[in-house]
C-alpha atoms as a PDB file:
ATOM      1  CA  MET A   1     -38.113  14.153 -60.462  1.00  0.00           C
ATOM      2  CA  ILE A   2     -35.676  12.193 -58.310  1.00  0.00           C
ATOM      3  CA  VAL A   3     -36.779  11.174 -54.840  1.00  0.00           C
ATOM      4  CA  LEU A   4     -34.090  10.029 -52.435  1.00  0.00           C
ATOM      5  CA  ALA A   5     -35.377   7.339 -50.171  1.00  0.00           C
ATOM      6  CA  SER A   6     -33.813   6.967 -46.746  1.00  0.00           C
ATOM      7  CA  PRO A   7     -32.012   3.670 -46.223  1.00  0.00           C
ATOM      8  CA  ALA A   8     -33.487   0.972 -44.048  1.00  0.00           C
ATOM      9  CA  ALA A   9     -32.532   0.988 -40.349  1.00  0.00           C
ATOM     10  CA  SER A  10     -30.373  -2.117 -40.820  1.00  0.00           C
ATOM     11  CA  GLN A  11     -28.324  -0.344 -43.502  1.00  0.00           C
ATOM     12  CA  VAL A  12     -27.467   2.811 -41.542  1.00  0.00           C
ATOM     13  CA  VAL A  13     -23.837   2.962 -40.379  1.00  0.00           C
ATOM     14  CA  PRO A  14     -22.108   5.758 -38.501  1.00  0.00           C
ATOM     15  CA  GLY A  15     -19.377   6.113 -41.089  1.00  0.00           C
ATOM     16  CA  ILE A  16     -15.989   7.702 -40.844  1.00  0.00           C
ATOM     17  CA  LEU A  17     -17.269  10.889 -39.188  1.00  0.00           C
ATOM     18  CA  GLY A  18     -18.751   8.915 -36.276  1.00  0.00           C
ATOM     19  CA  PHE A  19     -15.513   7.012 -35.851  1.00  0.00           C
ATOM     20  CA  LEU A  20     -13.452  10.209 -35.842  1.00  0.00           C
ATOM     21  CA  VAL A  21     -15.697  11.822 -33.237  1.00  0.00           C
ATOM     22  CA  VAL A  22     -15.486   8.804 -30.906  1.00  0.00           C
ATOM     23  CA  ALA A  23     -11.740   8.428 -31.459  1.00  0.00           C
ATOM     24  CA  GLY A  24     -11.238  12.148 -30.742  1.00  0.00           C
ATOM     25  CA  MET A  25     -13.210  11.915 -27.493  1.00  0.00           C
ATOM     26  CA  GLY A  26     -11.185   8.866 -26.470  1.00  0.00           C
ATOM     27  CA  LEU A  27      -7.925  10.675 -27.197  1.00  0.00           C
ATOM     28  CA  ALA A  28      -9.068  13.738 -25.229  1.00  0.00           C
ATOM     29  CA  LEU A  29     -10.051  11.491 -22.308  1.00  0.00           C
ATOM     30  CA  PHE A  30      -6.629   9.824 -22.365  1.00  0.00           C
ATOM     31  CA  PHE A  31      -4.792  13.158 -22.106  1.00  0.00           C
ATOM     32  CA  LEU A  32      -7.170  14.465 -19.427  1.00  0.00           C
ATOM     33  CA  LEU A  33      -6.628  11.385 -17.265  1.00  0.00           C
ATOM     34  CA  ARG A  34      -2.867  11.597 -17.729  1.00  0.00           C
ATOM     35  CA  SER A  35      -2.882  15.235 -16.686  1.00  0.00           C
ATOM     36  CA  MET A  36      -5.102  14.474 -13.679  1.00  0.00           C
ATOM     37  CA  ASN A  37      -2.731  11.762 -12.480  1.00  0.00           C
ATOM     38  CA  LYS A  38       0.220  14.116 -12.809  1.00  0.00           C
ATOM     39  CA  GLN A  39      -1.570  16.762 -10.723  1.00  0.00           C
ATOM     40  CA  LEU A  40      -2.656  14.268  -8.061  1.00  0.00           C
ATOM     41  CA  LYS A  41       0.929  13.098  -7.598  1.00  0.00           C
ATOM     42  CA  LYS A  42       1.864  16.677  -6.644  1.00  0.00           C
ATOM     43  CA  VAL A  43      -0.679  16.763  -3.806  1.00  0.00           C
ATOM     44  CA  ALA A  44       0.668  15.867  -0.370  1.00  0.00           C
ATOM     45  CA  ARG A  45      -1.129  12.883   1.092  1.00  0.00           C
ATOM     46  CA  GLU A  46      -1.263  14.361   4.576  1.00  0.00           C
ATOM     47  CA  PRO A  47      -0.467  17.903   5.708  1.00  0.00           C
ATOM     48  CA  ARG A  48       2.830  18.425   7.519  1.00  0.00           C
ATOM     49  CA  TRP A  49       1.122  19.936  10.589  1.00  0.00           C
ATOM     50  CA  ARG A  50      -0.884  16.750  11.062  1.00  0.00           C
ATOM     51  CA  GLU A  51       2.282  14.654  11.015  1.00  0.00           C
ATOM     52  CA  ASP A  52       3.889  17.027  13.525  1.00  0.00           C
ATOM     53  CA  ALA A  53       0.841  16.802  15.792  1.00  0.00           C
ATOM     54  CA  LYS A  54       0.911  12.993  15.656  1.00  0.00           C
ATOM     55  CA  GLN A  55       4.599  12.950  16.534  1.00  0.00           C
ATOM     56  CA  ALA A  56       4.069  15.378  19.426  1.00  0.00           C
ATOM     57  CA  ALA A  57       1.191  13.256  20.750  1.00  0.00           C
ATOM     58  CA  GLN A  58       3.316  10.116  20.551  1.00  0.00           C
ATOM     59  CA  ASP A  59       6.197  11.848  22.333  1.00  0.00           C
ATOM     60  CA  GLN A  60       3.854  13.082  25.069  1.00  0.00           C
ATOM     61  CA  THR A  61       2.339   9.615  25.477  1.00  0.00           C
ATOM     62  CA  ALA A  62       5.787   8.055  25.771  1.00  0.00           C
ATOM     63  CA  GLN A  63       6.823  10.678  28.331  1.00  0.00           C
ATOM     64  CA  ASP A  64       3.645  10.152  30.372  1.00  0.00           C
ATOM     65  CA  GLN A  65       4.180   6.388  30.279  1.00  0.00           C
ATOM     66  CA  ALA A  66       7.767   6.753  31.486  1.00  0.00           C
ATOM     67  CA  GLU A  67       6.651   8.987  34.358  1.00  0.00           C
ATOM     68  CA  ARG A  68       3.898   6.549  35.323  1.00  0.00           C
ATOM     69  CA  ASP A  69       6.321   3.621  35.322  1.00  0.00           C
ATOM     70  CA  TYR A  70       8.769   5.580  37.460  1.00  0.00           C
ATOM     71  CA  THR A  71       6.187   6.492  40.102  1.00  0.00           C
ATOM     72  CA  GLN A  72       4.463   3.091  40.198  1.00  0.00           C
ATOM     73  CA  ASN A  73       7.496   1.030  41.035  1.00  0.00           C
ATOM     74  CA  GLY A  74       8.296   3.116  44.120  1.00  0.00           C
ATOM     75  CA  THR A  75      11.592   4.529  42.990  1.00  0.00           C
ATOM     76  CA  ALA A  76      10.156   8.058  42.919  1.00  0.00           C
ATOM     77  CA  GLN A  77       9.666   8.066  46.665  1.00  0.00           C
ATOM     78  CA  GLN A  78      12.843   8.381  48.595  1.00  0.00           C
ATOM     79  CA  GLY A  79      12.745   8.351  52.310  1.00  0.00           C
END
């Protein structure tokens, strides 16, 4: 009768199957990250309506400032 003894803990190695599994997971991770980066580049950083609202607010602020300057220096009052 042949009894197979398990090897000592210091002699156990993962072998080629362990390497292939880890290498396969690394390769899958590489392609997933590459695909994610490609998709993120397609996403607009800020919506167009927000940019339009900022521009409108800046235009309104500039217009208000111009009106304030005009009325403060006395040129608006003619008499």
